[in-house]
C-alpha atoms as a PDB file:
ATOM      1  CA  MET A   1     166.333  29.871  75.974  1.00  0.00           C
ATOM      2  CA  PRO A   2     166.475  32.206  79.037  1.00  0.00           C
ATOM      3  CA  GLY A   3     163.200  34.040  78.304  1.00  0.00           C
ATOM      4  CA  HIS A   4     161.258  30.794  78.236  1.00  0.00           C
ATOM      5  CA  ARG A   5     162.702  29.655  81.541  1.00  0.00           C
ATOM      6  CA  THR A   6     161.987  33.026  83.161  1.00  0.00           C
ATOM      7  CA  ARG A   7     158.330  32.918  82.170  1.00  0.00           C
ATOM      8  CA  TRP A   8     158.101  29.337  83.495  1.00  0.00           C
ATOM      9  CA  THR A   9     159.666  30.368  86.810  1.00  0.00           C
ATOM     10  CA  THR A  10     157.256  33.249  87.257  1.00  0.00           C
ATOM     11  CA  ALA A  11     154.234  31.137  86.328  1.00  0.00           C
ATOM     12  CA  ALA A  12     155.312  28.318  88.659  1.00  0.00           C
ATOM     13  CA  ILE A  13     155.645  30.655  91.623  1.00  0.00           C
ATOM     14  CA  LEU A  14     152.326  32.353  90.937  1.00  0.00           C
ATOM     15  CA  THR A  15     150.604  28.977  90.594  1.00  0.00           C
ATOM     16  CA  THR A  16     152.235  27.635  93.751  1.00  0.00           C
ATOM     17  CA  THR A  17     151.313  30.726  95.771  1.00  0.00           C
ATOM     18  CA  ALA A  18     147.699  30.688  94.595  1.00  0.00           C
ATOM     19  CA  ALA A  19     147.337  26.961  95.248  1.00  0.00           C
ATOM     20  CA  VAL A  20     148.777  27.169  98.756  1.00  0.00           C
ATOM     21  CA  VAL A  21     146.580  30.128  99.679  1.00  0.00           C
ATOM     22  CA  ALA A  22     143.464  28.513  98.231  1.00  0.00           C
ATOM     23  CA  ALA A  23     144.139  25.246 100.065  1.00  0.00           C
ATOM     24  CA  THR A  24     144.705  27.066 103.343  1.00  0.00           C
ATOM     25  CA  LEU A  25     141.602  29.227 103.070  1.00  0.00           C
ATOM     26  CA  THR A  26     139.275  26.475 101.862  1.00  0.00           C
ATOM     27  CA  SER A  27     140.405  23.946 104.464  1.00  0.00           C
ATOM     28  CA  CYS A  28     138.656  25.834 107.268  1.00  0.00           C
ATOM     29  CA  THR A  29     136.127  23.999 109.422  1.00  0.00           C
ATOM     30  CA  ASP A  30     133.574  25.205 111.950  1.00  0.00           C
ATOM     31  CA  GLU A  31     136.101  24.340 114.686  1.00  0.00           C
ATOM     32  CA  ASP A  32     138.797  26.630 113.274  1.00  0.00           C
ATOM     33  CA  THR A  33     139.542  29.753 115.256  1.00  0.00           C
ATOM     34  CA  PRO A  34     140.589  32.983 113.586  1.00  0.00           C
ATOM     35  CA  SER A  35     144.093  32.519 115.023  1.00  0.00           C
ATOM     36  CA  SER A  36     144.450  28.990 113.614  1.00  0.00           C
ATOM     37  CA  VAL A  37     143.320  30.144 110.169  1.00  0.00           C
ATOM     38  CA  ALA A  38     145.712  33.108 110.354  1.00  0.00           C
ATOM     39  CA  SER A  39     148.529  30.816 111.433  1.00  0.00           C
ATOM     40  CA  ARG A  40     147.935  28.472 108.492  1.00  0.00           C
ATOM     41  CA  ALA A  41     147.767  31.455 106.101  1.00  0.00           C
ATOM     42  CA  ALA A  42     151.051  32.835 107.466  1.00  0.00           C
ATOM     43  CA  SER A  43     152.633  29.419 107.035  1.00  0.00           C
ATOM     44  CA  ALA A  44     151.334  29.214 103.463  1.00  0.00           C
ATOM     45  CA  PHE A  45     152.849  32.593 102.584  1.00  0.00           C
ATOM     46  CA  ALA A  46     156.144  31.644 104.227  1.00  0.00           C
ATOM     47  CA  SER A  47     156.137  28.524 102.069  1.00  0.00           C
ATOM     48  CA  ALA A  48     155.380  30.563  98.935  1.00  0.00           C
ATOM     49  CA  THR A  49     158.196  32.975  99.782  1.00  0.00           C
ATOM     50  CA  ALA A  50     160.584  30.055 100.267  1.00  0.00           C
ATOM     51  CA  GLU A  51     159.520  28.673  96.890  1.00  0.00           C
ATOM     52  CA  ALA A  52     160.191  32.068  95.279  1.00  0.00           C
ATOM     53  CA  GLY A  53     163.649  32.016  96.845  1.00  0.00           C
ATOM     54  CA  ARG A  54     164.348  28.534  95.509  1.00  0.00           C
ATOM     55  CA  ARG A  55     163.287  29.588  92.028  1.00  0.00           C
ATOM     56  CA  LEU A  56     165.590  32.609  92.125  1.00  0.00           C
ATOM     57  CA  ASP A  57     168.415  30.361  93.365  1.00  0.00           C
ATOM     58  CA  ASP A  58     167.904  28.160  90.285  1.00  0.00           C
ATOM     59  CA  ILE A  59     168.855  30.947  87.884  1.00  0.00           C
ATOM     60  CA  LYS A  60     172.225  29.992  86.439  1.00  0.00           C
ATOM     61  CA  GLY A  61     174.886  32.679  86.659  1.00  0.00           C
ATOM     62  CA  GLY A  62     172.617  35.076  88.553  1.00  0.00           C
ATOM     63  CA  VAL A  63     174.034  37.695  90.891  1.00  0.00           C
ATOM     64  CA  ASP A  64     172.386  39.696  93.657  1.00  0.00           C
ATOM     65  CA  ALA A  65     170.897  42.865  92.189  1.00  0.00           C
ATOM     66  CA  LYS A  66     168.628  44.122  94.962  1.00  0.00           C
ATOM     67  CA  ASP A  67     170.405  47.493  94.981  1.00  0.00           C
ATOM     68  CA  ALA A  68     169.758  47.902  91.233  1.00  0.00           C
ATOM     69  CA  VAL A  69     165.966  47.568  91.520  1.00  0.00           C
ATOM     70  CA  ARG A  70     163.411  50.176  92.612  1.00  0.00           C
ATOM     71  CA  LEU A  71     159.667  49.854  93.102  1.00  0.00           C
ATOM     72  CA  GLY A  72     157.015  52.479  92.472  1.00  0.00           C
ATOM     73  CA  GLU A  73     153.930  53.044  94.594  1.00  0.00           C
ATOM     74  CA  PRO A  74     151.446  50.149  94.647  1.00  0.00           C
ATOM     75  CA  THR A  75     148.152  50.691  92.829  1.00  0.00           C
ATOM     76  CA  THR A  76     145.020  48.591  92.433  1.00  0.00           C
ATOM     77  CA  ASP A  77     144.013  47.426  88.957  1.00  0.00           C
ATOM     78  CA  GLY A  78     140.499  46.840  87.627  1.00  0.00           C
ATOM     79  CA  ASP A  79     140.479  43.262  88.977  1.00  0.00           C
ATOM     80  CA  GLY A  80     141.290  44.436  92.507  1.00  0.00           C
ATOM     81  CA  ARG A  81     144.848  43.143  92.371  1.00  0.00           C
ATOM     82  CA  THR A  82     147.788  45.188  93.554  1.00  0.00           C
ATOM     83  CA  GLU A  83     150.361  46.198  90.952  1.00  0.00           C
ATOM     84  CA  VAL A  84     153.700  47.890  91.348  1.00  0.00           C
ATOM     85  CA  GLU A  85     156.112  49.174  88.722  1.00  0.00           C
ATOM     86  CA  ILE A  86     159.650  47.778  88.827  1.00  0.00           C
ATOM     87  CA  THR A  87     162.627  49.745  87.505  1.00  0.00           C
ATOM     88  CA  ALA A  88     165.801  47.725  86.923  1.00  0.00           C
ATOM     89  CA  ARG A  89     169.148  49.461  86.301  1.00  0.00           C
ATOM     90  CA  ASN A  90     171.838  47.482  84.485  1.00  0.00           C
ATOM     91  CA  THR A  91     175.317  48.650  85.441  1.00  0.00           C
ATOM     92  CA  THR A  92     177.123  45.984  83.411  1.00  0.00           C
ATOM     93  CA  GLY A  93     178.601  46.221  79.927  1.00  0.00           C
ATOM     94  CA  SER A  94     176.113  43.809  78.320  1.00  0.00           C
ATOM     95  CA  THR A  95     172.360  43.252  78.124  1.00  0.00           C
ATOM     96  CA  LYS A  96     170.983  41.500  81.223  1.00  0.00           C
ATOM     97  CA  SER A  97     167.618  40.388  82.585  1.00  0.00           C
ATOM     98  CA  PHE A  98     166.320  40.674  86.141  1.00  0.00           C
ATOM     99  CA  ALA A  99     164.095  38.406  88.237  1.00  0.00           C
ATOM    100  CA  VAL A 100     162.562  40.288  91.155  1.00  0.00           C
ATOM    101  CA  GLN A 101     160.704  38.876  94.145  1.00  0.00           C
ATOM    102  CA  VAL A 102     158.153  41.456  95.256  1.00  0.00           C
ATOM    103  CA  ASP A 103     156.650  41.076  98.729  1.00  0.00           C
ATOM    104  CA  PHE A 104     153.278  42.730  99.314  1.00  0.00           C
ATOM    105  CA  ARG A 105     152.712  43.660 102.972  1.00  0.00           C
ATOM    106  CA  ASP A 106     149.939  45.253 104.999  1.00  0.00           C
ATOM    107  CA  ALA A 107     150.369  48.396 107.112  1.00  0.00           C
ATOM    108  CA  ASP A 108     151.630  46.288 110.041  1.00  0.00           C
ATOM    109  CA  GLY A 109     154.304  44.613 107.912  1.00  0.00           C
ATOM    110  CA  ASN A 110     152.515  41.259 107.622  1.00  0.00           C
ATOM    111  CA  LEU A 111     153.181  39.405 104.390  1.00  0.00           C
ATOM    112  CA  LEU A 112     150.052  39.314 102.217  1.00  0.00           C
ATOM    113  CA  ASP A 113     151.469  37.938  98.978  1.00  0.00           C
ATOM    114  CA  ALA A 114     154.751  37.326  97.175  1.00  0.00           C
ATOM    115  CA  THR A 115     155.402  37.058  93.472  1.00  0.00           C
ATOM    116  CA  VAL A 116     158.318  36.997  91.067  1.00  0.00           C
ATOM    117  CA  ALA A 117     158.357  39.260  88.023  1.00  0.00           C
ATOM    118  CA  THR A 118     160.943  39.614  85.290  1.00  0.00           C
ATOM    119  CA  VAL A 119     162.402  42.639  83.581  1.00  0.00           C
ATOM    120  CA  PRO A 120     164.008  41.169  80.459  1.00  0.00           C
ATOM    121  CA  ASP A 121     166.708  42.523  78.173  1.00  0.00           C
ATOM    122  CA  VAL A 122     167.866  45.593  80.071  1.00  0.00           C
ATOM    123  CA  PRO A 123     170.544  47.214  77.849  1.00  0.00           C
ATOM    124  CA  ALA A 124     174.085  47.792  79.090  1.00  0.00           C
ATOM    125  CA  GLY A 125     174.145  50.913  81.251  1.00  0.00           C
ATOM    126  CA  GLY A 126     170.385  51.369  80.847  1.00  0.00           C
ATOM    127  CA  THR A 127     167.120  50.912  82.704  1.00  0.00           C
ATOM    128  CA  GLU A 128     163.902  49.112  81.867  1.00  0.00           C
ATOM    129  CA  LYS A 129     160.554  48.816  83.591  1.00  0.00           C
ATOM    130  CA  GLY A 130     158.322  45.880  84.401  1.00  0.00           C
ATOM    131  CA  THR A 131     155.260  45.233  86.531  1.00  0.00           C
ATOM    132  CA  ALA A 132     154.637  42.890  89.450  1.00  0.00           C
ATOM    133  CA  ARG A 133     151.034  41.916  90.135  1.00  0.00           C
ATOM    134  CA  SER A 134     149.624  40.256  93.236  1.00  0.00           C
ATOM    135  CA  THR A 135     148.073  36.849  92.775  1.00  0.00           C
ATOM    136  CA  ARG A 136     144.808  37.927  94.401  1.00  0.00           C
ATOM    137  CA  ASP A 137     142.843  40.917  95.703  1.00  0.00           C
ATOM    138  CA  LEU A 138     144.754  42.163  98.748  1.00  0.00           C
ATOM    139  CA  GLY A 139     142.503  45.001  99.920  1.00  0.00           C
ATOM    140  CA  GLY A 140     143.408  47.706 102.401  1.00  0.00           C
ATOM    141  CA  GLU A 141     146.691  49.572 102.543  1.00  0.00           C
ATOM    142  CA  VAL A 142     149.405  47.583 100.759  1.00  0.00           C
ATOM    143  CA  ARG A 143     153.135  48.243 100.666  1.00  0.00           C
ATOM    144  CA  ALA A 144     155.517  46.598  98.214  1.00  0.00           C
ATOM    145  CA  GLU A 145     159.152  45.798  98.841  1.00  0.00           C
ATOM    146  CA  VAL A 146     161.892  43.972  97.005  1.00  0.00           C
ATOM    147  CA  GLY A 147     162.400  40.617  98.690  1.00  0.00           C
ATOM    148  CA  ARG A 148     165.256  39.609  96.372  1.00  0.00           C
ATOM    149  CA  ALA A 149     166.496  40.491  92.924  1.00  0.00           C
ATOM    150  CA  VAL A 150     168.782  38.553  90.617  1.00  0.00           C
ATOM    151  CA  ARG A 151     170.536  39.846  87.490  1.00  0.00           C
ATOM    152  CA  TYR A 152     171.420  37.260  84.859  1.00  0.00           C
END
């Protein structure tokens, strides 16, 4: 049941990312310096990105599809989270789904958040759209880029 697994993968990555960030940010003490907190946050996001990569690697029969995926301009929803539209183009002769790792970065290129979104059931030779949503309020200027994309 590919759709079920895809939803599980996305939920697992979102949960992992949120848990790592929350643990990093709530583990601060009075002795923490801004640089030590920033270092732990960067490490947490690197870990979340690695987890997203592992989840994409687990997709059976998946092939690299980064060139077949485009992102729109990031916007902020009513909850303060950043959203970006994903367009997936299927150049094969049968219906395929896409799993896309979207990296949200600040104006300096620092990783703020990473998530995996799916674009299911893209028809042969066609395109479909999906949406990636940050796991938290990112604030400020946010850019979105495709970290990885897998067609399966």
